[in-house]
């Protein structure tokens, strides 16, 4: 079974996400020693802790201040059959090898809700009023799993269409959305709602959450 972790890493004027990526990879390898790691970036870099660095042929966020517009490419660019997608500014704190035995049975699994510093599950946040207003599932792309499957492929294709038509989508399909750039959490939540409006396939594992 080909499986591994994947995330995007593009530096901005304010944050060195390549440095963050190396620290994240180092922390994963500390606890999950046999884990494979792939980082997708707009430029080549090397680290002994990262197995594969993929450089994108095109950068949809080249002119953006916030680098969100390439995240829909995760399905096509992942070298793994089973992928856990993260964000580069995270750290790993424990062994999670056992996750795969549960995740691989599904096409798509998100972190539904998140945890605060008290280890409490947070279901509502003032920063996520757009989710409530638009009846979007409270999912986080910062911790998600997908496998190479027709449903996952359709999900990412839908996310691609939303991303590439963001201004029109924001103005005609979403209420009170003022994001200049296609925020990945909103894009993915809308894509999921389009494919599964009643959340019939939405998996909510109590342990598949992260501290935000």
Protein backbone atom coordinates (compact mmCIF):
# COMPACT_ATOMS: atom_id res chain seq x y z
CA UNK A 1 0.00 0.00 0.00
CA UNK A 2 1.56 3.30 -1.13
CA UNK A 3 0.86 5.88 1.55
CA UNK A 4 2.33 9.10 2.83
CA UNK A 5 1.98 12.71 3.96
CA UNK A 6 1.71 15.62 1.55
CA UNK A 7 1.46 19.39 1.78
CA UNK A 8 2.12 22.56 -0.21
CA UNK A 9 4.96 24.93 0.62
CA UNK A 10 5.25 28.36 -0.97
CA UNK A 11 7.10 31.19 0.72
CA UNK A 12 5.49 34.59 1.10
CA UNK A 13 6.96 37.97 2.01
CA UNK A 14 6.10 37.28 5.64
CA UNK A 15 6.60 33.54 6.16
CA UNK A 16 9.30 31.02 5.20
CA UNK A 17 7.09 28.00 4.61
CA UNK A 18 10.01 25.94 3.32
CA UNK A 19 11.62 26.21 6.73
CA UNK A 20 8.28 25.31 8.32
CA UNK A 21 8.02 22.29 6.01
CA UNK A 22 11.40 20.96 7.05
CA UNK A 23 10.48 21.27 10.73
CA UNK A 24 7.16 19.51 10.15
CA UNK A 25 8.83 16.70 8.21
CA UNK A 26 11.43 16.34 10.96
CA UNK A 27 8.70 16.02 13.59
CA UNK A 28 6.78 13.41 11.57
CA UNK A 29 9.90 11.31 11.04
CA UNK A 30 10.63 11.50 14.77
CA UNK A 31 7.39 9.72 15.65
CA UNK A 32 6.41 7.91 12.42
CA UNK A 33 9.87 6.75 11.38
CA UNK A 34 8.81 4.86 8.24
CA UNK A 35 6.50 7.57 6.89
CA UNK A 36 6.88 8.87 3.35
CA UNK A 37 6.67 12.63 2.84
CA UNK A 38 6.03 14.66 -0.30
CA UNK A 39 6.12 18.45 -0.40
CA UNK A 40 4.81 20.42 -3.37
CA UNK A 41 6.42 23.78 -3.99
CA UNK A 42 7.08 26.43 -6.61
CA UNK A 43 10.83 25.94 -6.32
CA UNK A 44 13.22 23.07 -5.70
CA UNK A 45 14.76 22.56 -2.27
CA UNK A 46 16.28 19.63 -0.41
CA UNK A 47 15.98 18.14 3.03
CA UNK A 48 17.04 14.78 4.41
CA UNK A 49 13.67 14.59 6.16
CA UNK A 50 11.58 14.96 2.98
CA UNK A 51 11.40 12.05 0.52
CA UNK A 52 9.98 13.88 -2.50
CA UNK A 53 9.87 17.56 -3.42
CA UNK A 54 7.66 18.21 -6.44
CA UNK A 55 7.86 21.50 -8.30
CA UNK A 56 4.61 22.63 -9.92
CA UNK A 57 4.60 23.28 -13.66
CA UNK A 58 2.30 26.27 -13.17
CA UNK A 59 1.62 28.42 -10.13
CA UNK A 60 -2.00 29.56 -9.91
CA UNK A 61 -1.13 31.82 -6.96
CA UNK A 62 1.92 33.52 -8.48
CA UNK A 63 0.28 36.94 -8.26
CA UNK A 64 -1.46 36.29 -4.94
CA UNK A 65 -0.36 37.54 -1.55
CA UNK A 66 -1.72 34.36 0.03
CA UNK A 67 -0.76 31.06 -1.63
CA UNK A 68 -4.01 29.10 -1.63
CA UNK A 69 -4.82 28.62 -5.29
CA UNK A 70 -2.83 25.43 -5.95
CA UNK A 71 -4.29 23.20 -3.23
CA UNK A 72 -6.79 21.55 -5.58
CA UNK A 73 -3.80 19.91 -7.32
CA UNK A 74 -3.15 17.60 -4.38
CA UNK A 75 -4.97 14.65 -5.96
CA UNK A 76 -3.07 14.80 -9.26
CA UNK A 77 0.33 15.54 -7.73
CA UNK A 78 0.31 13.08 -4.85
CA UNK A 79 2.66 10.15 -5.54
CA UNK A 80 0.73 8.02 -3.06
CA UNK A 81 -2.36 5.84 -3.35
CA UNK A 82 -3.31 6.92 0.17
CA UNK A 83 -2.51 10.48 1.22
CA UNK A 84 -2.80 12.47 4.43
CA UNK A 85 -2.75 16.14 3.46
CA UNK A 86 -1.44 18.69 5.96
CA UNK A 87 -0.42 22.34 6.09
CA UNK A 88 3.23 23.27 6.29
CA UNK A 89 3.00 25.28 9.52
CA UNK A 90 2.22 22.33 11.77
CA UNK A 91 4.15 20.01 14.08
CA UNK A 92 3.70 16.29 14.84
CA UNK A 93 3.71 15.21 18.50
CA UNK A 94 2.93 11.47 18.55
CA UNK A 95 2.92 8.26 16.57
CA UNK A 96 -0.09 7.98 14.24
CA UNK A 97 0.82 4.95 12.15
CA UNK A 98 -2.37 3.25 13.29
CA UNK A 99 -4.47 5.91 11.53
CA UNK A 100 -3.96 4.25 8.17
CA UNK A 101 -5.87 1.10 9.18
CA UNK A 102 -9.01 3.23 9.57
CA UNK A 103 -8.51 5.86 6.88
CA UNK A 104 -7.79 3.59 3.91
CA UNK A 105 -11.34 2.20 4.05
CA UNK A 106 -12.75 5.57 2.93
CA UNK A 107 -12.41 7.81 -0.12
CA UNK A 108 -12.19 11.10 1.74
CA UNK A 109 -11.86 11.98 5.42
CA UNK A 110 -11.58 15.46 6.91
CA UNK A 111 -10.83 16.80 10.30
CA UNK A 112 -14.37 17.84 11.22
CA UNK A 113 -14.13 20.65 13.78
CA UNK A 114 -10.80 21.11 15.60
CA UNK A 115 -9.40 21.21 19.13
CA UNK A 116 -8.29 24.13 21.26
CA UNK A 117 -5.34 24.29 23.65
CA UNK A 118 -7.49 22.69 26.37
CA UNK A 119 -8.04 19.65 24.08
CA UNK A 120 -11.71 20.60 23.73
CA UNK A 121 -13.51 20.08 20.44
CA UNK A 122 -14.46 23.44 18.93
CA UNK A 123 -17.57 23.28 16.78
CA UNK A 124 -18.28 26.97 16.37
CA UNK A 125 -15.86 29.83 15.90
CA UNK A 126 -16.35 33.56 15.27
CA UNK A 127 -13.78 33.16 12.50
CA UNK A 128 -16.01 30.69 10.69
CA UNK A 129 -19.32 32.54 10.48
CA UNK A 130 -19.25 32.09 6.73
CA UNK A 131 -19.56 28.33 7.25
CA UNK A 132 -22.69 28.70 9.36
CA UNK A 133 -24.21 31.35 7.08
CA UNK A 134 -23.71 29.16 4.00
CA UNK A 135 -24.51 25.82 5.65
CA UNK A 136 -21.04 24.50 4.87
CA UNK A 137 -19.61 21.46 6.67
CA UNK A 138 -17.13 22.53 9.34
CA UNK A 139 -14.16 20.76 7.76
CA UNK A 140 -10.46 21.64 7.81
CA UNK A 141 -8.11 20.95 4.91
CA UNK A 142 -5.18 21.21 7.33
CA UNK A 143 -5.77 17.58 8.22
CA UNK A 144 -7.48 15.47 5.61
CA UNK A 145 -7.10 12.09 3.94
CA UNK A 146 -7.90 10.95 0.42
CA UNK A 147 -7.24 7.88 -1.64
CA UNK A 148 -7.02 7.48 -5.40
CA UNK A 149 -10.72 6.94 -6.12
CA UNK A 150 -13.45 8.30 -8.37
CA UNK A 151 -15.17 10.15 -5.54
CA UNK A 152 -11.96 11.85 -4.37
CA UNK A 153 -11.09 12.72 -7.96
CA UNK A 154 -14.51 14.29 -8.47
CA UNK A 155 -14.09 16.26 -5.24
CA UNK A 156 -10.77 17.77 -6.32
CA UNK A 157 -12.09 18.49 -9.82
CA UNK A 158 -14.96 20.40 -8.23
CA UNK A 159 -12.50 22.28 -6.03
CA UNK A 160 -10.50 23.16 -9.15
CA UNK A 161 -13.55 24.68 -10.85
CA UNK A 162 -14.37 26.72 -7.74
CA UNK A 163 -10.77 27.95 -7.45
CA UNK A 164 -10.44 28.93 -11.10
CA UNK A 165 -13.77 30.80 -11.03
CA UNK A 166 -13.36 32.18 -7.53
CA UNK A 167 -14.62 35.73 -8.07
CA UNK A 168 -17.83 34.53 -9.71
CA UNK A 169 -18.34 31.78 -7.12
CA UNK A 170 -17.75 34.19 -4.24
CA UNK A 171 -20.23 36.71 -5.60
CA UNK A 172 -22.98 34.37 -6.76
CA UNK A 173 -22.79 31.18 -4.66
CA UNK A 174 -21.67 32.36 -1.23
CA UNK A 175 -23.25 34.79 1.23
CA UNK A 176 -21.07 37.40 2.92
CA UNK A 177 -17.83 36.00 1.57
CA UNK A 178 -15.17 38.69 1.21
CA UNK A 179 -12.09 36.54 0.64
CA UNK A 180 -10.05 38.09 -2.15
CA UNK A 181 -8.29 34.78 -2.79
CA UNK A 182 -9.79 31.27 -2.82
CA UNK A 183 -9.43 30.17 0.81
CA UNK A 184 -8.82 26.42 0.75
CA UNK A 185 -11.09 25.62 3.69
CA UNK A 186 -13.99 27.47 2.06
CA UNK A 187 -13.29 26.02 -1.39
CA UNK A 188 -13.12 22.47 -0.06
CA UNK A 189 -16.20 22.90 2.14
CA UNK A 190 -18.22 24.21 -0.80
CA UNK A 191 -16.95 21.43 -3.08
CA UNK A 192 -17.93 18.86 -0.48
CA UNK A 193 -21.37 20.37 0.00
CA UNK A 194 -21.97 20.24 -3.77
CA UNK A 195 -21.06 16.54 -3.89
CA UNK A 196 -22.67 15.48 -0.62
CA UNK A 197 -25.26 18.11 0.37
CA UNK A 198 -26.67 16.02 3.23
CA UNK A 199 -23.24 15.01 4.57
CA UNK A 200 -24.20 11.36 4.18
CA UNK A 201 -20.60 10.36 3.44
CA UNK A 202 -18.92 12.77 5.84
CA UNK A 203 -16.67 10.83 8.21
CA UNK A 204 -16.06 12.36 11.63
CA UNK A 205 -13.39 10.43 13.53
CA UNK A 206 -13.01 11.73 17.07
CA UNK A 207 -9.25 11.21 16.91
CA UNK A 208 -8.72 12.74 13.45
CA UNK A 209 -8.56 16.35 14.62
CA UNK A 210 -5.78 18.83 15.26
CA UNK A 211 -5.09 21.68 17.63
CA UNK A 212 -5.79 24.99 15.94
